[in-house]
Protein backbone atom coordinates (compact mmCIF):
# COMPACT_ATOMS: atom_id res chain seq x y z
CA MET A 1 -42.20 40.23 -11.84
CA LYS A 2 -39.28 38.78 -10.00
CA SER A 3 -35.91 40.29 -10.55
CA TRP A 4 -33.16 38.14 -12.16
CA LYS A 5 -31.42 37.63 -8.91
CA GLU A 6 -34.70 36.31 -7.31
CA GLN A 7 -35.20 33.99 -10.32
CA LEU A 8 -31.76 32.71 -10.17
CA ARG A 9 -32.04 32.05 -6.38
CA ASP A 10 -35.31 29.94 -7.16
CA ALA A 11 -33.54 28.05 -9.90
CA LYS A 12 -30.70 27.08 -7.50
CA LYS A 13 -33.14 25.89 -4.78
CA ASN A 14 -34.95 23.78 -7.39
CA LEU A 15 -31.72 22.24 -8.51
CA GLN A 16 -30.51 21.55 -4.99
CA GLY A 17 -33.80 19.91 -4.19
CA ASN A 18 -33.64 17.50 -7.08
CA HIS A 19 -30.25 16.70 -8.54
CA SER A 20 -31.77 14.32 -11.10
CA LYS A 21 -33.50 17.24 -12.89
CA THR A 22 -30.21 18.70 -14.21
CA THR A 23 -30.30 19.60 -17.80
CA SER A 24 -27.78 18.89 -20.55
CA ASP A 25 -26.54 22.51 -20.55
CA GLU A 26 -25.54 22.17 -16.93
CA LYS A 27 -22.23 24.04 -16.01
CA PRO A 28 -19.48 22.27 -14.13
CA THR A 29 -19.91 22.36 -10.35
CA THR A 30 -17.63 24.58 -8.46
CA VAL A 31 -16.93 24.97 -4.72
CA ASP A 32 -14.96 27.24 -2.55
CA PHE A 33 -11.11 26.78 -2.20
CA VAL A 34 -8.54 28.73 -0.27
CA PRO A 35 -5.26 27.83 -2.02
CA PRO A 36 -1.88 28.17 -0.27
CA ALA A 37 -0.12 31.58 -0.69
CA SER A 38 2.59 30.08 -3.04
CA TRP A 39 -0.10 29.14 -5.43
CA LEU A 40 -1.48 32.63 -5.74
CA GLU A 41 1.71 34.27 -6.97
CA ALA A 42 0.99 35.38 -10.53
CA SER A 43 3.12 34.08 -13.21
CA PRO A 44 4.86 36.75 -15.22
CA ASN A 45 3.36 35.32 -18.41
CA SER A 46 0.02 34.39 -16.98
CA GLY A 47 -1.72 37.69 -17.43
CA ASP A 48 -3.59 37.11 -14.11
CA ASP A 49 -3.64 39.44 -11.17
CA PRO A 50 -2.53 37.74 -7.94
CA LEU A 51 -5.48 37.19 -5.64
CA PRO A 52 -5.62 39.09 -2.33
CA PRO A 53 -4.99 36.96 0.84
CA GLY A 54 -8.12 35.08 1.84
CA SER A 55 -9.60 35.17 -1.68
CA LYS A 56 -11.41 31.97 -2.80
CA THR A 57 -11.26 30.23 -6.14
CA SER A 58 -13.62 27.64 -7.30
CA ILE A 59 -12.44 24.38 -5.76
CA THR A 60 -12.37 22.99 -2.28
CA HIS A 61 -8.99 21.93 -0.86
CA ARG A 62 -10.88 19.15 0.80
CA SER A 63 -8.39 18.74 3.75
CA ARG A 64 -9.42 22.24 4.79
CA ASP A 65 -13.14 21.69 5.06
CA SER A 66 -15.03 18.50 4.94
CA CYS A 67 -12.14 16.25 4.45
CA LYS A 68 -10.08 17.78 7.27
CA THR A 69 -9.04 15.18 9.77
CA ASN A 70 -9.39 15.82 13.42
CA ARG A 71 -6.15 15.65 15.43
CA PRO A 72 -6.29 12.10 16.69
CA ALA A 73 -5.67 11.06 20.23
CA PRO A 74 -2.76 8.64 20.95
CA ALA A 75 -3.39 5.55 19.07
CA GLY A 76 -2.77 1.93 19.78
CA PRO A 77 -3.93 -1.41 18.65
CA SER A 78 -7.60 -2.16 18.66
CA SER A 79 -9.32 -4.11 21.45
CA LYS A 80 -10.69 -7.66 20.99
CA ARG A 81 -14.18 -8.33 20.11
CA GLY A 82 -16.61 -7.44 22.93
CA ALA A 83 -13.83 -5.63 24.94
CA ASN A 84 -14.34 -2.29 26.60
CA GLY A 85 -12.18 -0.60 23.93
CA ALA A 86 -14.77 -1.41 21.29
CA ASN A 87 -17.52 0.36 23.40
CA ASP A 88 -15.25 3.32 23.92
CA GLU A 89 -14.67 3.55 20.24
CA LYS A 90 -18.37 3.60 19.48
CA GLU A 91 -18.71 6.42 21.99
CA ASP A 92 -15.99 8.21 20.08
CA ALA A 93 -17.66 7.50 16.74
CA ALA A 94 -20.83 9.26 17.87
CA LYS A 95 -18.99 12.50 17.96
CA ASN A 96 -19.49 14.29 14.76
CA LEU A 97 -17.07 16.60 12.80
CA PRO A 98 -17.81 20.34 13.19
CA GLY A 99 -20.65 21.27 11.02
CA ASP A 100 -22.06 17.86 10.83
CA PRO A 101 -25.73 17.42 11.79
CA PRO A 102 -26.26 15.49 15.06
CA ILE A 103 -27.05 11.67 14.46
CA PRO A 104 -29.81 10.56 16.84
CA ASP A 105 -29.47 7.01 18.41
CA ASP A 106 -32.43 5.64 16.32
CA ALA A 107 -30.97 6.95 13.05
CA ARG A 108 -28.28 4.19 12.59
CA SER A 109 -30.29 2.04 10.16
CA PRO A 110 -28.23 0.78 7.35
CA THR A 111 -31.09 1.50 4.97
CA GLN A 112 -30.40 5.28 5.32
CA ASN A 113 -28.10 7.02 2.94
CA GLN A 114 -25.44 8.15 5.39
CA THR A 115 -22.15 7.21 6.61
CA ALA A 116 -20.72 6.95 10.18
CA PRO A 117 -19.26 10.15 11.72
CA THR A 118 -15.51 10.34 11.43
CA PRO A 119 -13.81 9.40 14.65
CA ASP A 120 -10.24 10.02 15.78
CA PHE A 121 -7.92 7.61 13.97
CA ARG A 122 -6.85 4.52 15.86
CA PRO A 123 -5.29 1.81 13.68
CA HIS A 124 -6.74 -1.70 14.17
CA VAL A 125 -4.19 -4.40 14.42
CA ASP A 126 -5.82 -7.75 14.76
CA GLY A 127 -7.35 -7.25 18.17
CA GLY A 128 -4.30 -5.92 19.93
CA ARG A 129 -1.27 -7.92 18.42
CA SER A 130 1.88 -6.85 20.13
CA LEU A 131 5.23 -6.20 18.54
CA ALA A 132 8.50 -8.07 19.51
CA MET A 133 11.96 -7.30 18.24
CA PRO A 134 13.77 -10.58 17.28
CA GLY A 135 17.23 -10.98 18.94
CA TRP A 136 19.11 -11.10 15.58
CA ALA A 137 17.92 -7.48 14.93
CA ASP A 138 20.59 -6.22 17.32
CA ALA A 139 23.00 -6.51 14.42
CA GLY A 140 21.28 -3.58 12.81
CA SER A 141 22.90 -1.31 15.45
CA SER A 142 26.13 -1.45 13.26
CA LEU A 143 26.52 0.23 9.89
CA GLN A 144 28.54 -2.88 8.58
CA HIS A 145 27.70 -6.41 8.15
CA PRO A 146 28.49 -8.56 11.27
CA GLU A 147 31.16 -10.49 9.34
CA TYR A 148 32.56 -7.35 7.77
CA GLN A 149 36.09 -7.84 6.30
CA GLY A 150 36.50 -4.59 4.34
CA GLY A 151 36.20 -4.22 0.54
CA ALA A 152 35.01 -1.99 -2.17
CA PRO A 153 32.38 0.65 -1.34
CA MET A 154 28.74 -0.10 -2.00
CA VAL A 155 25.93 2.48 -1.82
CA VAL A 156 22.93 1.22 0.17
CA ARG A 157 19.85 3.36 0.21
CA ILE A 158 16.86 2.81 2.52
CA GLY A 159 13.49 4.18 1.56
CA VAL A 160 11.00 4.60 4.56
CA ASP A 161 7.43 5.15 3.75
CA PHE A 162 6.32 6.42 7.24
CA GLY A 163 2.61 6.11 7.02
CA THR A 164 -0.20 7.23 9.31
CA ALA A 165 -1.20 3.72 10.28
CA PHE A 166 1.76 1.54 8.96
CA THR A 167 5.25 1.97 7.71
CA LYS A 168 6.79 0.13 4.70
CA VAL A 169 10.47 -0.03 4.00
CA ALA A 170 12.60 -1.10 0.95
CA ILE A 171 16.34 -1.22 0.58
CA ARG A 172 18.42 -0.90 -2.63
CA ALA A 173 21.80 -2.46 -2.09
CA GLY A 174 23.86 -2.00 -5.32
CA VAL A 175 21.72 -3.64 -7.96
CA ASP A 176 19.42 -5.56 -5.50
CA LEU A 177 16.07 -4.41 -4.33
CA VAL A 178 14.92 -5.79 -0.99
CA PRO A 179 11.32 -5.22 0.41
CA VAL A 180 11.62 -5.51 4.12
CA ASP A 181 9.60 -8.35 5.72
CA TRP A 182 8.24 -7.61 9.15
CA SER A 183 6.71 -10.95 10.11
CA ALA A 184 9.46 -11.50 12.58
CA VAL A 185 8.14 -8.52 14.54
CA THR A 186 4.49 -8.68 13.98
CA SER A 187 4.01 -12.51 13.63
CA ASP A 188 1.84 -11.61 10.53
CA GLU A 189 2.89 -13.94 7.69
CA SER A 190 -0.01 -13.11 5.35
CA PRO A 191 0.90 -12.10 1.87
CA THR A 192 0.18 -8.42 2.48
CA GLY A 193 0.57 -8.05 6.32
CA ARG A 194 4.11 -9.11 6.35
CA TYR A 195 5.38 -6.12 4.51
CA VAL A 196 3.92 -3.52 6.87
CA ILE A 197 4.75 -2.52 10.43
CA PRO A 198 2.02 -0.86 12.57
CA GLY A 199 2.68 2.62 13.68
CA PHE A 200 3.17 2.36 17.40
CA VAL A 201 5.91 1.76 19.92
CA HIS A 202 5.76 0.71 23.72
CA ARG A 203 7.04 2.94 26.37
CA ALA A 204 7.96 1.33 29.81
CA PRO A 205 7.42 3.34 33.17
CA ASP A 206 11.12 3.98 33.43
CA GLY A 207 11.03 5.77 29.92
CA GLU A 208 12.37 3.11 27.77
CA TYR A 209 11.02 2.72 24.23
CA PHE A 210 10.95 -0.77 22.64
CA TRP A 211 8.95 -3.47 20.75
CA ARG A 212 8.03 -5.94 23.58
CA GLY A 213 4.74 -7.18 24.73
CA LEU A 214 4.67 -5.99 28.37
CA ALA A 215 1.23 -5.20 29.96
CA GLU A 216 2.63 -2.42 32.12
CA ALA A 217 4.08 -0.57 29.07
CA ASP A 218 2.19 2.31 27.53
CA ILE A 219 1.38 2.18 23.96
CA GLN A 220 2.39 5.20 22.08
CA GLY A 221 0.71 5.74 18.62
CA ASN A 222 -0.47 8.53 16.40
CA LEU A 223 3.09 9.24 15.41
CA LYS A 224 2.90 11.05 12.18
CA LEU A 225 -0.16 13.31 11.97
CA PRO A 226 0.94 15.82 14.81
CA LEU A 227 4.27 16.38 13.21
CA ILE A 228 2.87 18.96 10.75
CA GLU A 229 1.67 21.09 13.67
CA MET A 230 5.14 20.73 15.28
CA ALA A 231 6.92 22.32 12.28
CA GLY A 232 8.82 25.38 13.28
CA SER A 233 9.03 24.50 16.99
CA ASP A 234 11.84 22.75 18.88
CA GLU A 235 9.51 20.23 20.51
CA CYS A 236 11.04 16.79 20.66
CA PRO A 237 8.82 14.13 19.00
CA LYS A 238 10.21 11.37 21.38
CA ALA A 239 7.85 8.39 20.47
CA THR A 240 8.24 9.05 16.74
CA LEU A 241 11.97 9.18 16.92
CA ALA A 242 12.13 5.93 18.90
CA TYR A 243 9.77 4.13 16.62
CA LEU A 244 11.86 5.06 13.58
CA ALA A 245 15.04 4.18 15.17
CA LEU A 246 13.66 0.69 15.75
CA VAL A 247 12.43 0.55 12.23
CA ILE A 248 15.88 1.46 10.76
CA ARG A 249 17.59 -0.86 13.13
CA TYR A 250 15.51 -3.80 12.08
CA ALA A 251 15.78 -2.97 8.42
CA ARG A 252 19.52 -2.97 8.45
CA ALA A 253 19.57 -6.21 10.36
CA PHE A 254 17.11 -7.72 7.87
CA LEU A 255 19.37 -6.83 5.04
CA TYR A 256 22.39 -8.39 6.80
CA GLN A 257 20.64 -11.77 7.21
CA HIS A 258 18.97 -11.66 3.78
CA PRO A 259 19.61 -15.17 2.34
CA GLU A 260 20.64 -13.83 -1.18
CA VAL A 261 21.88 -10.29 -0.61
CA GLY A 262 23.35 -10.46 2.83
CA ARG A 263 26.19 -12.84 1.88
CA LYS A 264 27.40 -10.08 -0.64
CA LEU A 265 27.89 -7.50 2.07
CA ALA A 266 30.66 -8.89 4.17
CA ASN A 267 33.16 -8.07 1.65
CA ARG A 268 31.92 -4.47 0.85
CA SER A 269 32.24 -1.19 2.67
CA LEU A 270 28.65 -0.05 3.04
CA ARG A 271 27.86 3.71 2.37
CA TRP A 272 24.41 4.51 3.53
CA GLU A 273 21.74 6.95 2.26
CA LEU A 274 18.14 7.48 3.69
CA ASN A 275 15.07 8.82 2.11
CA VAL A 276 11.82 9.42 3.89
CA GLY A 277 8.41 10.20 2.46
CA CYS A 278 6.53 13.58 3.31
CA PRO A 279 2.90 14.42 2.68
CA THR A 280 2.29 16.32 -0.51
CA GLU A 281 0.82 19.73 0.61
CA PRO A 282 3.13 20.21 3.62
CA HIS A 283 6.00 19.59 1.44
CA ASP A 284 5.59 23.04 0.13
CA HIS A 285 6.53 24.45 3.40
CA PRO A 286 10.31 24.48 4.17
CA GLU A 287 9.72 24.23 7.95
CA VAL A 288 7.91 20.80 7.40
CA VAL A 289 10.71 19.51 5.15
CA ASP A 290 13.36 20.66 7.66
CA LEU A 291 11.40 18.84 10.44
CA PHE A 292 11.25 15.59 8.66
CA ARG A 293 14.86 15.77 7.66
CA ARG A 294 15.97 16.40 11.22
CA ILE A 295 13.63 13.54 12.43
CA ALA A 296 15.29 11.13 9.93
CA ARG A 297 18.82 12.18 10.96
CA THR A 298 18.08 11.75 14.61
CA ALA A 299 16.45 8.43 14.23
CA TRP A 300 19.40 7.13 12.13
CA GLN A 301 21.73 8.05 15.00
CA LEU A 302 19.45 6.51 17.56
CA ALA A 303 19.20 3.25 15.49
CA GLY A 304 22.75 2.57 16.89
CA VAL A 305 21.73 2.80 20.65
CA ASN A 306 20.79 -0.49 22.26
CA HIS A 307 18.51 0.99 24.85
CA LEU A 308 16.18 3.80 23.84
CA GLN A 309 15.69 5.71 27.05
CA GLU A 310 13.56 8.91 26.83
CA SER A 311 16.67 10.88 28.04
CA SER A 312 18.98 9.65 25.30
CA VAL A 313 16.24 10.29 22.59
CA THR A 314 15.92 13.94 23.90
CA ALA A 315 19.66 14.32 24.13
CA ALA A 316 20.11 13.17 20.51
CA TRP A 317 17.40 15.64 19.40
CA ARG A 318 19.05 18.54 21.05
CA SER A 319 22.70 17.67 20.10
CA GLY A 320 22.21 17.62 16.28
CA GLU A 321 25.51 15.77 15.69
CA ALA A 322 27.07 16.55 12.24
CA GLU A 323 28.32 12.99 11.68
CA VAL A 324 25.71 10.27 11.99
CA GLY A 325 27.04 7.82 9.51
CA LEU A 326 25.12 8.93 6.27
CA GLU A 327 26.80 9.84 3.07
CA ALA A 328 24.46 12.82 2.58
CA GLU A 329 21.61 14.49 4.38
CA PRO A 330 18.47 12.47 4.37
CA GLY A 331 16.21 13.01 1.34
CA VAL A 332 12.57 14.24 1.97
CA VAL A 333 10.49 13.36 -0.99
CA PRO A 334 6.68 13.94 -1.55
CA GLU A 335 4.98 10.70 -1.15
CA PHE A 336 3.12 10.86 -4.37
CA VAL A 337 6.37 11.70 -6.39
CA ALA A 338 7.87 8.55 -4.80
CA GLN A 339 4.87 6.52 -5.88
CA ILE A 340 5.34 7.41 -9.58
CA ALA A 341 9.17 7.39 -9.59
CA GLY A 342 9.19 4.16 -11.65
CA TYR A 343 6.88 5.65 -14.19
CA LEU A 344 8.86 8.85 -14.48
CA GLY A 345 11.94 6.87 -15.38
CA SER A 346 10.29 4.58 -17.84
CA ARG A 347 9.99 4.90 -21.57
CA GLN A 348 6.14 5.34 -21.49
CA VAL A 349 6.35 8.64 -19.67
CA SER A 350 4.99 11.72 -21.47
CA GLU A 351 4.50 15.42 -20.49
CA GLY A 352 1.09 16.54 -19.56
CA LEU A 353 -1.61 16.68 -16.83
CA TYR A 354 -2.09 13.68 -14.60
CA ALA A 355 -4.13 12.77 -11.51
CA LEU A 356 -3.16 10.38 -8.65
CA ILE A 357 -5.41 8.67 -6.37
CA ASP A 358 -3.79 7.17 -3.27
CA ILE A 359 -5.84 4.82 -1.04
CA GLY A 360 -4.31 4.36 2.24
CA ALA A 361 -5.34 3.00 5.61
CA ALA A 362 -6.32 6.31 7.08
CA THR A 363 -6.65 8.75 4.25
CA LEU A 364 -7.67 9.03 0.62
CA ASP A 365 -5.15 11.38 -1.15
CA VAL A 366 -6.13 13.04 -4.49
CA ALA A 367 -3.83 15.25 -6.56
CA THR A 368 -3.54 16.66 -10.02
CA PHE A 369 -0.28 17.76 -11.46
CA ASN A 370 1.78 18.14 -14.62
CA VAL A 371 4.85 16.19 -15.50
CA VAL A 372 7.52 18.28 -17.27
CA LEU A 373 10.41 16.10 -18.56
CA PRO A 374 14.01 17.34 -18.28
CA ASN A 375 15.58 19.57 -20.78
CA ASP A 376 19.08 20.96 -21.25
CA LEU A 377 18.67 22.98 -18.06
CA ASP A 378 17.12 20.27 -15.88
CA SER A 379 18.56 17.11 -14.53
CA SER A 380 15.12 15.66 -13.24
CA PRO A 381 11.49 15.96 -14.20
CA ARG A 382 9.49 18.80 -12.66
CA ILE A 383 6.11 18.31 -10.93
CA PRO A 384 3.91 21.29 -10.73
CA ILE A 385 1.00 20.61 -8.48
CA PHE A 386 -2.48 22.02 -9.24
CA PHE A 387 -4.84 20.85 -6.47
CA SER A 388 -4.85 18.11 -3.80
CA ALA A 389 -7.24 16.68 -1.24
CA VAL A 390 -6.58 14.64 1.94
CA CYS A 391 -9.76 12.95 3.18
CA PRO A 392 -10.38 10.57 6.09
CA LEU A 393 -11.81 7.98 3.66
CA GLY A 394 -9.10 5.26 3.75
CA THR A 395 -9.83 1.58 4.26
CA HIS A 396 -9.70 1.89 8.01
CA TYR A 397 -12.82 4.33 7.77
CA LEU A 398 -14.51 2.05 5.32
CA ASN A 399 -14.22 -0.75 7.76
CA HIS A 400 -15.25 1.54 10.61
CA ASN A 401 -18.27 2.76 8.61
CA ARG A 402 -19.49 -0.82 8.02
CA HIS A 403 -19.08 -1.92 11.74
CA PHE A 404 -20.72 1.32 12.95
CA ARG A 405 -23.69 1.35 10.61
CA LEU A 406 -24.33 -2.40 10.88
CA ASP A 407 -24.02 -2.43 14.65
CA LEU A 408 -20.95 -4.63 14.88
CA ASP A 409 -18.07 -4.84 17.36
CA PHE A 410 -15.09 -2.86 16.15
CA ALA A 411 -12.73 -5.69 15.28
CA TRP A 412 -10.75 -5.95 12.07
CA ASP A 413 -7.19 -5.85 10.86
CA ASP A 414 -6.16 -2.74 8.85
CA ALA A 415 -3.15 -4.64 7.58
CA ALA A 416 -5.36 -7.03 5.64
CA PRO A 417 -7.16 -6.29 2.34
CA VAL A 418 -10.79 -5.03 2.73
CA GLU A 419 -13.31 -7.85 2.58
CA PRO A 420 -15.66 -7.80 -0.40
CA ALA A 421 -19.20 -6.94 0.46
CA ASP A 422 -20.68 -10.34 -0.13
CA GLY A 423 -17.95 -12.17 2.01
CA PHE A 424 -18.49 -9.53 4.72
CA ALA A 425 -22.17 -10.04 4.86
CA LYS A 426 -21.90 -13.78 5.05
CA ARG A 427 -19.29 -13.78 7.87
CA HIS A 428 -21.32 -11.38 9.97
CA GLY A 429 -24.70 -12.73 9.24
CA LYS A 430 -25.93 -9.63 7.53
CA ARG A 431 -28.02 -8.99 4.39
CA ARG A 432 -25.87 -8.21 1.36
CA ALA A 433 -28.42 -5.43 0.53
CA ASP A 434 -27.73 -3.70 3.76
CA VAL A 435 -23.91 -3.83 3.21
CA ASP A 436 -24.37 -2.51 -0.12
CA THR A 437 -26.46 0.36 1.10
CA VAL A 438 -23.80 1.20 3.71
CA ASP A 439 -20.99 0.98 1.18
CA SER A 440 -22.93 3.07 -1.35
CA ALA A 441 -23.08 6.12 0.96
CA PHE A 442 -19.31 5.78 1.75
CA ALA A 443 -18.43 5.35 -1.95
CA SER A 444 -20.31 8.61 -2.71
CA ARG A 445 -18.15 10.55 -0.39
CA VAL A 446 -15.03 9.07 -2.14
CA ALA A 447 -16.41 10.00 -5.59
CA SER A 448 -17.19 13.50 -4.32
CA CYS A 449 -13.56 13.90 -2.99
CA ILE A 450 -12.21 12.86 -6.48
CA ALA A 451 -14.51 15.05 -8.35
CA GLY A 452 -13.68 18.16 -6.16
CA VAL A 453 -10.09 17.94 -7.38
CA THR A 454 -10.68 16.86 -10.98
CA ASP A 455 -13.46 19.49 -11.47
CA GLY A 456 -11.54 22.22 -10.08
CA THR A 457 -8.43 21.53 -12.24
CA ARG A 458 -10.74 21.33 -15.30
CA THR A 459 -12.64 24.46 -14.69
CA ASN A 460 -10.48 26.84 -12.57
CA SER A 461 -7.96 29.20 -14.08
CA ARG A 462 -5.54 28.12 -11.33
CA GLY A 463 -5.83 24.61 -12.61
CA ASP A 464 -5.19 23.40 -16.17
CA PRO A 465 -8.50 23.69 -17.99
CA ARG A 466 -6.73 23.96 -21.47
CA SER A 467 -4.90 20.58 -21.24
CA SER A 468 -5.47 18.24 -23.99
CA ALA A 469 -5.99 15.55 -21.47
CA TRP A 470 -9.57 16.48 -21.07
CA SER A 471 -10.45 15.56 -24.53
CA GLU A 472 -7.87 12.62 -24.92
CA GLY A 473 -8.40 11.04 -21.48
CA LEU A 474 -6.92 12.11 -18.16
CA PRO A 475 -3.99 9.67 -17.22
CA ILE A 476 -4.71 8.59 -13.61
CA PHE A 477 -2.55 6.51 -11.20
CA VAL A 478 -4.49 4.45 -8.51
CA THR A 479 -2.13 3.41 -5.76
CA GLY A 480 -1.98 2.45 -2.03
CA GLY A 481 -3.05 -0.58 -0.08
CA GLY A 482 -6.73 -0.12 -0.95
CA SER A 483 -6.15 0.24 -4.68
CA SER A 484 -7.53 -3.29 -5.40
CA CYS A 485 -10.66 -2.75 -3.30
CA GLU A 486 -13.84 -3.00 -5.27
CA LEU A 487 -15.69 -0.17 -3.57
CA TYR A 488 -12.90 2.38 -4.42
CA ARG A 489 -12.67 1.21 -7.91
CA ARG A 490 -16.44 1.61 -8.31
CA ALA A 491 -16.20 5.22 -6.77
CA ILE A 492 -13.63 6.10 -9.42
CA GLU A 493 -15.82 4.74 -12.15
CA THR A 494 -18.68 6.95 -10.87
CA GLY A 495 -16.35 9.98 -11.06
CA GLU A 496 -15.38 8.97 -14.58
CA LEU A 497 -18.95 8.56 -15.76
CA GLU A 498 -19.90 11.93 -14.28
CA LEU A 499 -17.03 13.74 -16.06
CA LYS A 500 -17.99 12.03 -19.29
CA ARG A 501 -21.58 13.25 -18.85
CA ARG A 502 -20.53 16.68 -18.37
CA MET A 503 -18.02 16.78 -21.25
CA TYR A 504 -19.81 14.64 -23.63
CA LEU A 505 -16.75 12.49 -24.20
CA PRO A 506 -16.47 8.77 -24.96
CA SER A 507 -13.61 8.39 -22.57
CA SER A 508 -12.38 10.52 -19.58
CA PHE A 509 -9.77 8.48 -17.58
CA ARG A 510 -6.74 6.49 -18.84
CA PHE A 511 -5.55 4.29 -15.98
CA ILE A 512 -1.76 3.75 -15.71
CA GLU A 513 -0.73 0.55 -14.20
CA LEU A 514 2.43 0.94 -11.89
CA ASP A 515 4.95 -1.91 -11.67
CA PRO A 516 7.15 -0.65 -8.79
CA LEU A 517 8.70 -4.14 -8.11
CA GLY A 518 9.52 -4.77 -11.77
CA ALA A 519 9.42 -8.09 -13.72
CA ARG A 520 11.87 -9.71 -11.18
CA PHE A 521 9.27 -9.78 -8.40
CA GLN A 522 6.22 -10.97 -10.28
CA HIS A 523 5.29 -13.23 -7.41
CA PHE A 524 4.48 -10.30 -5.17
CA GLY A 525 1.38 -9.25 -7.18
CA ILE A 526 -0.45 -5.97 -7.63
CA GLU A 527 -1.74 -5.86 -3.96
CA ILE A 528 1.84 -6.00 -2.43
CA GLY A 529 3.34 -3.82 -5.14
CA GLY A 530 0.64 -1.13 -4.50
CA ARG A 531 1.51 -1.11 -0.72
CA LEU A 532 5.23 -0.91 -1.33
CA SER A 533 5.18 1.63 -4.30
CA VAL A 534 6.32 4.69 -2.08
CA ALA A 535 9.01 2.75 -0.29
CA ILE A 536 10.38 1.46 -3.60
CA GLY A 537 10.39 4.80 -5.12
CA LEU A 538 12.25 6.19 -2.14
CA THR A 539 15.28 3.81 -2.88
CA GLU A 540 15.94 5.93 -5.83
CA ASP A 541 18.30 8.96 -5.74
CA ALA A 542 16.14 11.70 -4.18
CA GLU A 543 17.73 14.40 -6.26
CA GLY A 544 16.93 12.44 -9.52
CA ILE A 545 13.30 11.43 -8.99
CA ALA A 546 11.59 14.73 -9.56
CA ARG A 547 11.36 18.38 -8.21
CA VAL A 548 7.98 19.81 -7.04
CA VAL A 549 7.59 23.40 -8.29
CA PRO A 550 4.83 26.03 -8.19
CA HIS A 551 2.43 25.32 -11.01
CA HIS A 552 2.32 28.92 -12.22
CA ASP A 553 5.97 28.54 -13.32
CA ILE A 554 4.95 26.24 -16.12
CA GLY A 555 2.40 27.03 -18.69
CA PRO A 556 -0.18 24.49 -20.08
CA ILE A 557 1.30 21.42 -21.76
CA MET A 558 -0.33 20.51 -25.14
CA ARG A 559 0.50 17.39 -27.05
CA PRO A 560 1.86 18.47 -30.50
CA GLY A 561 -0.67 18.30 -33.34
CA ALA A 562 -0.15 18.14 -37.10
CA GLU A 563 1.58 21.30 -38.27
CA ARG A 564 -0.64 23.42 -40.66
CA ILE A 565 1.18 24.32 -43.90
CA ASP A 566 0.19 27.70 -45.49
CA HIS A 567 -1.11 27.12 -49.02
CA THR A 568 1.42 29.84 -50.41
CA GLU A 569 4.26 27.60 -49.37
CA LEU A 570 2.83 24.81 -51.65
CA TYR A 571 1.46 26.81 -54.60
CA GLY A 572 3.23 30.26 -54.32
CA ASP A 573 1.36 33.63 -54.52
């Protein structure tokens, strides 16, 4: 007779061989997870012993394993249809991530349930569209309106959502909120494309950085992802600094010439503040926050320089001047906190467990966290983060997967909304069934990433398994440029159905609609509002949005129930 260990091993093999044969008493799935050291410090009231270094709990931090992004090569705009760049990208796409099985050349049929291997990230911008700074943007070199006459002070706060593929900027000048329109730089006047600026800058042979369409200029891209690895060093991120300096200069000039707000500024003395977004997980490390703050300060200083020579960029980085024209040090805010800033300040906010799913161009970010409202000792909400995942499953990779599996040239615009499956099939002369098959495999990976975070939070002692949200419905924010894409919505619904099946509940998710632009900007719509949510949140006071704290500092938050009255209080002894 087999031992119990052998019987258990056989049962696991059978379950792995046929997932459809799971029974109703199935336990929630768990996967390995190596949490950051700060998460493993035991709370004095938790009763848990701290785990030793290297210990694993039962949920994957996806960015450390299957969702970890390769360090990309320098990025630039995509090539035109049929150009050599498309063939080069297909060669890059054939390189699998470590641990992935090799994909033979004859195994690329769309009928097979697999997705394209993840290549290095290279944002596609409409077949190589160049950027050109308009002449009127030179006014942004000054900290005051071109017709400045003096006057009462006015606080102007710029929020810079510095993204992997695109950057979005919003400005709050007094009571006015101004989303920055980049069509004068990109020539993209589409409803969504005009509010994003691609993440690359030109570098001339003489070392000058600029936005000008010159053939001899090198294109510098991949400006954000390598910054995390640079934290703690004194290496100068020259291209990143030059790019952000151009972004800030244009944003200030755009405000000056705004038809409604600009005319108010000539009679005011502008007092500037600057907030930038930071990835959620690295924000836990002080050296990353310090790096982003130093980059923001230096870029603000360089925005006043007419010619961004490599030597001047390096000199500004080394000098670290104390006075750069800002009222305070730049605020560095976790991006997901900025996304929900409007909700945190609304009347509908409540304490408890939440999840956020941010669908960007390059990455799918998923996080679970508690919201703890201010009390007598706190001036702002506290956000303890439980688990998060960053997967290379953004809209860029959805488009890449379609083109790779259906043997199409790599030509699309990452700034545009994802095309629905039926429209994509008709435009490329493909069968709808083949597109659906390709999308289904990709959606499964999205659903798996989401399930890894929610399941871990629900089942792991380092999560919040006792939260009443599991029985009453987990509140979820769905944000980012891909939030209106049908495929991601379908993947989220799949995750909800699976959670309902495991917990035998009629409802599992409660979706919270964010309105970052407010009622005054109804004409922008959900698509644009979703893209600008981080930038708009960053126009709030950085100190007043929320504080990210270790989750073990705060116990489970339970919604109050009806108080039970002892019968002796009613009837006596």
